[in-house]
Amino acid sequence: MVVSDNGRNLVAALELGNLTHIPNLVVQLFIKTFPNLAELLVKARCTCAHFCKSSTAAAGLSMLQQHLRLPAHRLLRDVSTHCNSTFYMLARLCEQQRAVVEYQLQHGCCLSSQLPLFISKE
């Protein structure tokens, strides 16, 4: 509870727009406290970035999605200033995991140094 005389600065400080960054700070702190989670996120970001940057890889993933009868969704990259974007990136990666793993198995020999293999027991 906040008691105020409706001073202009206090009202401006309590507006919802100024408090929206707090959940992002909480999520970032949570991620930093678990090193294994941070390492997994690095692998997920690298994998998603590969498919977002390479049109050839994106086309190959799209063909595998059709073959595996998965939704034709592109992988998403997270944005550090939006805490929910990490969730959406991981959810999309889980949704498309079969296609991503199949792509990595088909192209693993030429991408092994660039693309982390996302089929470990993590």
N, C-alpha and C. Protein backbone atom coordinates (compact mmCIF):
# COMPACT_ATOMS: atom_id res chain seq x y z
N MET A 1 0.85 -1.16 0.00
CA MET A 1 0.00 0.00 0.00
C MET A 1 0.90 1.23 0.00
N VAL A 2 0.51 2.21 -0.78
CA VAL A 2 1.27 3.44 -0.90
C VAL A 2 0.35 4.61 -0.58
N VAL A 3 0.80 5.47 0.31
CA VAL A 3 0.03 6.66 0.65
C VAL A 3 0.72 7.85 0.00
N SER A 4 -0.06 8.70 -0.65
CA SER A 4 0.53 9.80 -1.39
C SER A 4 -0.38 11.01 -1.35
N ASP A 5 0.20 12.17 -1.57
CA ASP A 5 -0.59 13.38 -1.71
C ASP A 5 -0.80 13.70 -3.19
N ASN A 6 -0.60 12.69 -4.05
CA ASN A 6 -0.74 12.81 -5.50
C ASN A 6 0.29 13.77 -6.10
N GLY A 7 1.47 13.82 -5.48
CA GLY A 7 2.54 14.62 -6.05
C GLY A 7 2.91 14.10 -7.43
N ARG A 8 3.21 15.00 -8.33
CA ARG A 8 3.44 14.64 -9.72
C ARG A 8 4.55 13.59 -9.87
N ASN A 9 5.67 13.72 -9.18
CA ASN A 9 6.77 12.76 -9.29
C ASN A 9 6.39 11.40 -8.75
N LEU A 10 5.68 11.35 -7.63
CA LEU A 10 5.28 10.08 -7.05
C LEU A 10 4.28 9.36 -7.94
N VAL A 11 3.33 10.09 -8.49
CA VAL A 11 2.35 9.48 -9.39
C VAL A 11 3.06 8.94 -10.62
N ALA A 12 4.01 9.67 -11.16
CA ALA A 12 4.76 9.21 -12.34
C ALA A 12 5.57 7.96 -12.01
N ALA A 13 6.14 7.90 -10.81
CA ALA A 13 6.94 6.73 -10.42
C ALA A 13 6.10 5.49 -10.23
N LEU A 14 4.85 5.66 -9.87
CA LEU A 14 3.99 4.51 -9.60
C LEU A 14 3.19 4.05 -10.80
N GLU A 15 3.33 4.71 -11.94
CA GLU A 15 2.62 4.27 -13.12
C GLU A 15 3.10 2.89 -13.52
N LEU A 16 2.20 2.11 -14.08
CA LEU A 16 2.52 0.73 -14.46
C LEU A 16 3.66 0.68 -15.47
N GLY A 17 3.75 1.64 -16.35
CA GLY A 17 4.80 1.65 -17.36
C GLY A 17 6.19 1.64 -16.77
N ASN A 18 6.37 2.20 -15.60
CA ASN A 18 7.69 2.25 -14.98
C ASN A 18 8.02 0.98 -14.21
N LEU A 19 7.05 0.11 -14.01
CA LEU A 19 7.28 -1.11 -13.24
C LEU A 19 7.37 -2.36 -14.11
N THR A 20 7.21 -2.22 -15.41
CA THR A 20 7.18 -3.39 -16.27
C THR A 20 8.52 -4.08 -16.41
N HIS A 21 9.61 -3.42 -16.07
CA HIS A 21 10.92 -4.04 -16.20
C HIS A 21 11.25 -4.97 -15.03
N ILE A 22 10.49 -4.92 -13.97
CA ILE A 22 10.78 -5.73 -12.78
C ILE A 22 10.71 -7.23 -13.06
N PRO A 23 9.66 -7.74 -13.75
CA PRO A 23 9.67 -9.19 -14.04
C PRO A 23 10.88 -9.62 -14.85
N ASN A 24 11.33 -8.78 -15.78
CA ASN A 24 12.51 -9.12 -16.56
C ASN A 24 13.74 -9.23 -15.67
N LEU A 25 13.88 -8.32 -14.71
CA LEU A 25 15.01 -8.38 -13.79
C LEU A 25 14.97 -9.64 -12.93
N VAL A 26 13.79 -10.03 -12.51
CA VAL A 26 13.64 -11.25 -11.71
C VAL A 26 14.04 -12.48 -12.52
N VAL A 27 13.58 -12.54 -13.77
CA VAL A 27 13.91 -13.68 -14.63
C VAL A 27 15.41 -13.73 -14.89
N GLN A 28 16.02 -12.60 -15.19
CA GLN A 28 17.46 -12.57 -15.44
C GLN A 28 18.26 -13.01 -14.21
N LEU A 29 17.84 -12.59 -13.03
CA LEU A 29 18.50 -13.01 -11.80
C LEU A 29 18.33 -14.51 -11.58
N PHE A 30 17.15 -15.03 -11.85
CA PHE A 30 16.89 -16.46 -11.71
C PHE A 30 17.81 -17.26 -12.63
N ILE A 31 17.94 -16.82 -13.87
CA ILE A 31 18.79 -17.52 -14.84
C ILE A 31 20.25 -17.51 -14.39
N LYS A 32 20.70 -16.39 -13.84
CA LYS A 32 22.10 -16.29 -13.41
C LYS A 32 22.41 -17.18 -12.22
N THR A 33 21.41 -17.52 -11.41
CA THR A 33 21.66 -18.34 -10.23
C THR A 33 21.81 -19.82 -10.57
N PHE A 34 21.42 -20.22 -11.78
CA PHE A 34 21.54 -21.61 -12.19
C PHE A 34 22.43 -21.69 -13.43
N PRO A 35 23.71 -22.00 -13.25
CA PRO A 35 24.64 -22.01 -14.39
C PRO A 35 24.25 -23.01 -15.48
N ASN A 36 23.68 -24.16 -15.11
CA ASN A 36 23.28 -25.14 -16.12
C ASN A 36 22.15 -24.61 -16.99
N LEU A 37 21.25 -23.84 -16.40
CA LEU A 37 20.17 -23.23 -17.17
C LEU A 37 20.72 -22.20 -18.14
N ALA A 38 21.68 -21.41 -17.68
CA ALA A 38 22.30 -20.41 -18.55
C ALA A 38 23.01 -21.09 -19.72
N GLU A 39 23.68 -22.21 -19.46
CA GLU A 39 24.37 -22.94 -20.52
C GLU A 39 23.38 -23.52 -21.52
N LEU A 40 22.27 -24.04 -21.04
CA LEU A 40 21.23 -24.56 -21.93
C LEU A 40 20.64 -23.45 -22.79
N LEU A 41 20.45 -22.27 -22.21
CA LEU A 41 19.92 -21.14 -22.97
C LEU A 41 20.89 -20.69 -24.05
N VAL A 42 22.18 -20.76 -23.77
CA VAL A 42 23.17 -20.42 -24.79
C VAL A 42 23.05 -21.37 -25.98
N LYS A 43 22.89 -22.65 -25.71
CA LYS A 43 22.73 -23.63 -26.79
C LYS A 43 21.43 -23.39 -27.56
N ALA A 44 20.36 -23.11 -26.85
CA ALA A 44 19.08 -22.85 -27.50
C ALA A 44 19.15 -21.60 -28.37
N ARG A 45 19.78 -20.55 -27.85
CA ARG A 45 19.92 -19.30 -28.62
C ARG A 45 20.75 -19.51 -29.87
N CYS A 46 21.82 -20.28 -29.73
CA CYS A 46 22.69 -20.55 -30.88
C CYS A 46 21.94 -21.34 -31.95
N THR A 47 21.17 -22.33 -31.52
CA THR A 47 20.40 -23.14 -32.45
C THR A 47 19.35 -22.29 -33.17
N CYS A 48 18.60 -21.51 -32.42
CA CYS A 48 17.56 -20.67 -33.02
C CYS A 48 18.18 -19.62 -33.93
N ALA A 49 19.31 -19.04 -33.53
CA ALA A 49 19.97 -18.03 -34.36
C ALA A 49 20.42 -18.62 -35.69
N HIS A 50 20.89 -19.86 -35.67
CA HIS A 50 21.33 -20.50 -36.90
C HIS A 50 20.19 -20.57 -37.90
N PHE A 51 19.02 -21.00 -37.45
CA PHE A 51 17.88 -21.14 -38.36
C PHE A 51 17.28 -19.79 -38.75
N CYS A 52 17.45 -18.78 -37.91
CA CYS A 52 16.94 -17.45 -38.24
C CYS A 52 17.85 -16.73 -39.22
N LYS A 53 19.15 -16.97 -39.16
CA LYS A 53 20.10 -16.28 -40.02
C LYS A 53 20.30 -16.96 -41.37
N SER A 54 20.13 -18.26 -41.42
CA SER A 54 20.41 -19.00 -42.64
C SER A 54 19.11 -19.37 -43.36
N SER A 55 18.92 -18.84 -44.54
CA SER A 55 17.72 -19.17 -45.30
C SER A 55 17.75 -20.62 -45.77
N THR A 56 18.94 -21.14 -46.02
CA THR A 56 19.06 -22.55 -46.42
C THR A 56 18.65 -23.47 -45.27
N ALA A 57 19.11 -23.16 -44.08
CA ALA A 57 18.73 -23.97 -42.91
C ALA A 57 17.25 -23.85 -42.62
N ALA A 58 16.70 -22.65 -42.76
CA ALA A 58 15.27 -22.44 -42.52
C ALA A 58 14.43 -23.23 -43.53
N ALA A 59 14.88 -23.27 -44.79
CA ALA A 59 14.16 -24.03 -45.81
C ALA A 59 14.24 -25.53 -45.52
N GLY A 60 15.42 -25.98 -45.09
CA GLY A 60 15.57 -27.39 -44.72
C GLY A 60 14.70 -27.76 -43.54
N LEU A 61 14.62 -26.88 -42.56
CA LEU A 61 13.76 -27.12 -41.39
C LEU A 61 12.30 -27.15 -41.81
N SER A 62 11.93 -26.26 -42.71
CA SER A 62 10.54 -26.23 -43.19
C SER A 62 10.16 -27.54 -43.89
N MET A 63 11.07 -28.07 -44.68
CA MET A 63 10.80 -29.34 -45.36
C MET A 63 10.65 -30.48 -44.34
N LEU A 64 11.49 -30.47 -43.33
CA LEU A 64 11.39 -31.49 -42.30
C LEU A 64 10.09 -31.35 -41.50
N GLN A 65 9.66 -30.12 -41.26
CA GLN A 65 8.39 -29.91 -40.56
C GLN A 65 7.24 -30.53 -41.35
N GLN A 66 7.25 -30.33 -42.67
CA GLN A 66 6.20 -30.93 -43.50
C GLN A 66 6.28 -32.45 -43.46
N HIS A 67 7.49 -32.97 -43.57
CA HIS A 67 7.68 -34.43 -43.57
C HIS A 67 7.23 -35.05 -42.25
N LEU A 68 7.52 -34.37 -41.13
CA LEU A 68 7.17 -34.88 -39.81
C LEU A 68 5.77 -34.44 -39.35
N ARG A 69 5.08 -33.71 -40.23
CA ARG A 69 3.73 -33.20 -39.94
C ARG A 69 3.70 -32.36 -38.66
N LEU A 70 4.67 -31.48 -38.57
CA LEU A 70 4.72 -30.51 -37.48
C LEU A 70 4.18 -29.18 -37.98
N PRO A 71 3.73 -28.32 -37.07
CA PRO A 71 3.29 -26.99 -37.51
C PRO A 71 4.43 -26.25 -38.20
N ALA A 72 4.11 -25.53 -39.23
CA ALA A 72 5.13 -24.79 -40.00
C ALA A 72 5.44 -23.47 -39.31
N HIS A 73 6.09 -23.56 -38.18
CA HIS A 73 6.45 -22.38 -37.41
C HIS A 73 7.96 -22.16 -37.49
N ARG A 74 8.35 -20.92 -37.60
CA ARG A 74 9.78 -20.58 -37.55
C ARG A 74 10.24 -20.59 -36.10
N LEU A 75 11.52 -20.86 -35.91
CA LEU A 75 12.08 -20.76 -34.57
C LEU A 75 12.20 -19.30 -34.19
N LEU A 76 12.03 -19.03 -32.92
CA LEU A 76 12.06 -17.65 -32.42
C LEU A 76 13.35 -17.41 -31.65
N ARG A 77 13.81 -16.18 -31.70
CA ARG A 77 14.96 -15.77 -30.89
C ARG A 77 14.45 -14.92 -29.75
N ASP A 78 15.10 -15.04 -28.61
CA ASP A 78 14.66 -14.24 -27.48
C ASP A 78 15.31 -12.86 -27.51
N VAL A 79 14.68 -11.94 -26.81
CA VAL A 79 15.14 -10.57 -26.70
C VAL A 79 15.41 -10.32 -25.22
N SER A 80 16.60 -9.84 -24.91
CA SER A 80 17.00 -9.74 -23.51
C SER A 80 16.12 -8.81 -22.69
N THR A 81 15.45 -7.87 -23.33
CA THR A 81 14.62 -6.92 -22.58
C THR A 81 13.19 -7.41 -22.37
N HIS A 82 12.84 -8.53 -22.96
CA HIS A 82 11.49 -9.09 -22.79
C HIS A 82 11.61 -10.48 -22.16
N CYS A 83 11.22 -10.59 -20.89
CA CYS A 83 11.41 -11.85 -20.18
C CYS A 83 10.58 -12.98 -20.78
N ASN A 84 9.43 -12.68 -21.34
CA ASN A 84 8.61 -13.75 -21.88
C ASN A 84 9.13 -14.26 -23.23
N SER A 85 10.02 -13.53 -23.87
CA SER A 85 10.54 -14.00 -25.15
C SER A 85 11.41 -15.24 -24.98
N THR A 86 12.09 -15.38 -23.86
CA THR A 86 12.87 -16.59 -23.60
C THR A 86 11.94 -17.79 -23.48
N PHE A 87 10.82 -17.59 -22.80
CA PHE A 87 9.83 -18.66 -22.69
C PHE A 87 9.31 -19.06 -24.07
N TYR A 88 8.97 -18.08 -24.89
CA TYR A 88 8.44 -18.37 -26.23
C TYR A 88 9.48 -19.04 -27.11
N MET A 89 10.75 -18.65 -26.97
CA MET A 89 11.81 -19.28 -27.74
C MET A 89 11.93 -20.76 -27.37
N LEU A 90 11.94 -21.04 -26.05
CA LEU A 90 12.07 -22.43 -25.60
C LEU A 90 10.83 -23.26 -25.95
N ALA A 91 9.66 -22.65 -25.85
CA ALA A 91 8.43 -23.38 -26.20
C ALA A 91 8.43 -23.75 -27.68
N ARG A 92 8.84 -22.83 -28.53
CA ARG A 92 8.88 -23.11 -29.97
C ARG A 92 9.95 -24.14 -30.28
N LEU A 93 11.08 -24.08 -29.59
CA LEU A 93 12.14 -25.06 -29.81
C LEU A 93 11.68 -26.45 -29.38
N CYS A 94 10.94 -26.54 -28.29
CA CYS A 94 10.40 -27.83 -27.86
C CYS A 94 9.36 -28.34 -28.85
N GLU A 95 8.54 -27.45 -29.36
CA GLU A 95 7.53 -27.83 -30.35
C GLU A 95 8.19 -28.41 -31.60
N GLN A 96 9.30 -27.82 -32.01
CA GLN A 96 9.97 -28.21 -33.24
C GLN A 96 11.18 -29.11 -32.99
N GLN A 97 11.28 -29.68 -31.82
CA GLN A 97 12.47 -30.45 -31.45
C GLN A 97 12.74 -31.60 -32.41
N ARG A 98 11.71 -32.32 -32.81
CA ARG A 98 11.92 -33.46 -33.72
C ARG A 98 12.53 -33.01 -35.03
N ALA A 99 12.04 -31.91 -35.58
CA ALA A 99 12.57 -31.40 -36.84
C ALA A 99 14.00 -30.87 -36.67
N VAL A 100 14.27 -30.19 -35.56
CA VAL A 100 15.61 -29.66 -35.32
C VAL A 100 16.61 -30.79 -35.14
N VAL A 101 16.25 -31.80 -34.38
CA VAL A 101 17.15 -32.94 -34.17
C VAL A 101 17.40 -33.67 -35.48
N GLU A 102 16.35 -33.88 -36.26
CA GLU A 102 16.50 -34.54 -37.56
C GLU A 102 17.42 -33.73 -38.48
N TYR A 103 17.24 -32.42 -38.48
CA TYR A 103 18.11 -31.55 -39.29
C TYR A 103 19.56 -31.68 -38.83
N GLN A 104 19.76 -31.68 -37.52
CA GLN A 104 21.12 -31.78 -36.99
C GLN A 104 21.75 -33.12 -37.31
N LEU A 105 20.96 -34.17 -37.29
CA LEU A 105 21.51 -35.49 -37.62
C LEU A 105 21.86 -35.58 -39.10
N GLN A 106 21.05 -34.94 -39.96
CA GLN A 106 21.33 -34.95 -41.39
C GLN A 106 22.52 -34.08 -41.76
N HIS A 107 22.69 -32.96 -41.05
CA HIS A 107 23.73 -32.00 -41.41
C HIS A 107 24.80 -31.87 -40.33
N GLY A 108 24.81 -32.77 -39.39
CA GLY A 108 25.70 -32.65 -38.23
C GLY A 108 27.17 -32.59 -38.56
N CYS A 109 27.59 -33.33 -39.57
CA CYS A 109 29.02 -33.37 -39.85
C CYS A 109 29.55 -32.03 -40.33
N CYS A 110 28.75 -31.28 -41.08
CA CYS A 110 29.26 -30.00 -41.59
C CYS A 110 28.95 -28.85 -40.64
N LEU A 111 28.06 -29.05 -39.67
CA LEU A 111 27.68 -27.98 -38.77
C LEU A 111 28.17 -28.19 -37.35
N SER A 112 28.91 -29.24 -37.11
CA SER A 112 29.25 -29.59 -35.73
C SER A 112 29.98 -28.47 -34.99
N SER A 113 30.78 -27.69 -35.69
CA SER A 113 31.50 -26.61 -35.00
C SER A 113 30.62 -25.37 -34.84
N GLN A 114 29.59 -25.23 -35.67
CA GLN A 114 28.76 -24.03 -35.62
C GLN A 114 27.51 -24.22 -34.78
N LEU A 115 26.89 -25.37 -34.88
CA LEU A 115 25.58 -25.59 -34.28
C LEU A 115 25.68 -26.60 -33.15
N PRO A 116 25.35 -26.22 -31.92
CA PRO A 116 25.45 -27.19 -30.82
C PRO A 116 24.40 -28.27 -30.98
N LEU A 117 24.79 -29.50 -30.77
CA LEU A 117 23.86 -30.60 -30.88
C LEU A 117 22.87 -30.53 -29.74
N PHE A 118 21.61 -30.47 -30.07
CA PHE A 118 20.57 -30.21 -29.07
C PHE A 118 19.86 -31.50 -28.66
N ILE A 119 20.57 -32.62 -28.69
CA ILE A 119 19.92 -33.87 -28.32
C ILE A 119 20.59 -34.53 -27.13
N SER A 120 21.31 -33.77 -26.35
CA SER A 120 21.92 -34.34 -25.16
C SER A 120 20.84 -34.58 -24.10
N LYS A 121 21.22 -35.12 -22.96
CA LYS A 121 20.26 -35.49 -21.92
C LYS A 121 19.84 -34.31 -21.06
N GLU A 122 20.05 -33.09 -21.52
CA GLU A 122 19.66 -31.91 -20.78
C GLU A 122 18.19 -31.80 -20.85
